[in-house]
């Protein structure tokens, strides 16, 4: 994301002169970097681990974020709002996938390719695997 020392100083509320990117990094700056890394990891999951898409997502203005880029939000100390947006997007994506899987199962069932299984049998099968 190419955050500068000035950026990290601002969002972690530590003096720019004390910002370091080694073992002596101020605790507040390290916490902010971990929070940003968590957001990046969640976004990477949404993009199947494609780092180029993740990098682009952080750089481009997003209409769902008021046409502001995620990077700008982080620089503006709005990473919590960004995290909430990412978590909500992830939940929506998971719900859509779940819905697709249910629809596929229904289609297989309707076509006679899927049969219901008693819970006791399914439980034994799950435990055995």
Protein backbone atom coordinates (compact mmCIF):
# COMPACT_ATOMS: atom_id res chain seq x y z
CA UNK A 1 0.00 0.00 0.00
CA UNK A 2 3.09 2.18 0.23
CA UNK A 3 2.23 4.05 3.39
CA UNK A 4 4.80 6.68 4.26
CA UNK A 5 6.24 7.37 7.69
CA UNK A 6 4.06 10.47 7.72
CA UNK A 7 0.96 8.36 6.99
CA UNK A 8 1.78 5.86 9.71
CA UNK A 9 2.63 8.65 12.14
CA UNK A 10 -0.76 10.26 11.56
CA UNK A 11 -2.88 7.13 11.84
CA UNK A 12 -1.01 5.72 14.84
CA UNK A 13 -0.69 9.10 16.58
CA UNK A 14 3.07 8.82 17.16
CA UNK A 15 5.78 11.26 16.19
CA UNK A 16 6.99 10.80 12.64
CA UNK A 17 10.59 10.80 13.87
CA UNK A 18 9.86 7.69 15.97
CA UNK A 19 8.22 5.68 13.18
CA UNK A 20 10.43 2.76 12.21
CA UNK A 21 9.87 -0.40 10.21
CA UNK A 22 11.99 -2.75 12.30
CA UNK A 23 11.79 -4.39 15.73
CA UNK A 24 11.84 -0.96 17.39
CA UNK A 25 8.58 0.13 15.75
CA UNK A 26 6.37 1.99 18.23
CA UNK A 27 3.62 -0.25 19.62
CA UNK A 28 0.83 2.02 18.33
CA UNK A 29 2.27 1.93 14.81
CA UNK A 30 2.65 -1.87 14.95
CA UNK A 31 -0.98 -2.21 16.03
CA UNK A 32 -2.16 -0.04 13.12
CA UNK A 33 -0.05 -2.03 10.65
CA UNK A 34 -1.55 -5.28 11.96
CA UNK A 35 -5.05 -3.84 11.57
CA UNK A 36 -4.28 -2.82 8.00
CA UNK A 37 -2.77 -6.26 7.32
CA UNK A 38 -5.97 -7.88 8.63
CA UNK A 39 -8.04 -5.81 6.20
CA UNK A 40 -5.66 -6.73 3.36
CA UNK A 41 -5.96 -10.43 4.22
CA UNK A 42 -9.76 -10.27 4.25
CA UNK A 43 -9.76 -8.50 0.89
CA UNK A 44 -7.33 -11.09 -0.45
CA UNK A 45 -9.81 -13.83 0.51
CA UNK A 46 -12.52 -12.04 -1.49
CA UNK A 47 -10.19 -11.91 -4.51
CA UNK A 48 -8.97 -15.49 -4.24
CA UNK A 49 -5.51 -14.39 -3.08
CA UNK A 50 -4.79 -12.30 -6.20
CA UNK A 51 -2.38 -9.68 -4.84
CA UNK A 52 -2.67 -7.51 -7.94
CA UNK A 53 -6.43 -7.21 -7.49
CA UNK A 54 -5.96 -6.48 -3.79
CA UNK A 55 -3.42 -3.75 -4.51
CA UNK A 56 -5.70 -2.23 -7.14
CA UNK A 57 -8.69 -2.39 -4.77
CA UNK A 58 -6.79 -0.32 -2.19
CA UNK A 59 -5.81 2.30 -4.80
CA UNK A 60 -9.03 2.87 -6.75
CA UNK A 61 -11.93 5.06 -5.60
CA UNK A 62 -14.80 2.84 -4.50
CA UNK A 63 -18.40 3.97 -5.12
CA UNK A 64 -19.51 2.01 -2.03
CA UNK A 65 -17.12 4.12 0.05
CA UNK A 66 -18.28 7.48 -1.27
CA UNK A 67 -15.87 7.33 -4.25
CA UNK A 68 -12.90 7.33 -1.89
CA UNK A 69 -10.13 4.77 -2.18
CA UNK A 70 -9.56 2.37 0.72
CA UNK A 71 -5.99 3.69 0.93
CA UNK A 72 -7.33 7.22 1.40
CA UNK A 73 -9.66 5.95 4.11
CA UNK A 74 -6.73 4.38 5.95
CA UNK A 75 -4.68 7.55 5.60
CA UNK A 76 -7.67 9.49 6.95
CA UNK A 77 -7.79 7.27 10.03
CA UNK A 78 -11.07 5.66 8.93
CA UNK A 79 -9.77 2.09 8.96
CA UNK A 80 -12.55 0.90 11.32
CA UNK A 81 -15.20 1.99 8.84
CA UNK A 82 -13.21 0.28 6.10
CA UNK A 83 -12.94 -2.91 8.16
CA UNK A 84 -16.71 -2.91 8.72
CA UNK A 85 -17.28 -2.47 4.98
CA UNK A 86 -14.94 -5.38 4.19
CA UNK A 87 -16.58 -7.63 6.79
CA UNK A 88 -20.05 -6.81 5.48
CA UNK A 89 -18.90 -7.48 1.91
CA UNK A 90 -17.40 -10.78 3.00
CA UNK A 91 -20.64 -11.80 4.71
CA UNK A 92 -22.62 -10.90 1.60
CA UNK A 93 -20.22 -12.92 -0.56
CA UNK A 94 -20.51 -15.95 1.75
CA UNK A 95 -24.30 -15.66 1.77
CA UNK A 96 -24.36 -15.53 -2.03
CA UNK A 97 -22.12 -18.62 -2.25
CA UNK A 98 -24.31 -20.44 0.24
CA UNK A 99 -27.39 -19.51 -1.75
CA UNK A 100 -25.76 -20.79 -4.96
CA UNK A 101 -24.84 -24.09 -3.28
CA UNK A 102 -28.39 -24.53 -2.01
CA UNK A 103 -29.80 -23.79 -5.47
CA UNK A 104 -27.43 -26.35 -7.04
CA UNK A 105 -28.43 -28.96 -4.47
CA UNK A 106 -32.12 -28.27 -5.15
CA UNK A 107 -31.53 -28.69 -8.90
CA UNK A 108 -29.74 -32.01 -8.35
CA UNK A 109 -32.55 -33.12 -6.04
CA UNK A 110 -35.22 -32.15 -8.58
CA UNK A 111 -33.29 -34.04 -11.28
CA UNK A 112 -33.13 -37.15 -9.08
CA UNK A 113 -29.35 -36.87 -8.67
CA UNK A 114 -29.49 -36.02 -4.96
CA UNK A 115 -31.25 -37.95 -2.23
CA UNK A 116 -31.98 -36.86 1.33
CA UNK A 117 -29.87 -38.51 4.01
CA UNK A 118 -30.99 -39.20 7.56
CA UNK A 119 -29.21 -36.99 10.08
CA UNK A 120 -27.83 -39.96 12.02
CA UNK A 121 -26.24 -41.37 8.86
CA UNK A 122 -24.85 -38.01 7.81
CA UNK A 123 -23.42 -37.47 11.29
CA UNK A 124 -21.67 -40.87 11.26
CA UNK A 125 -20.27 -40.10 7.80
CA UNK A 126 -18.99 -36.69 8.90
CA UNK A 127 -17.33 -38.12 12.02
CA UNK A 128 -15.68 -40.90 10.01
CA UNK A 129 -14.11 -38.47 7.52
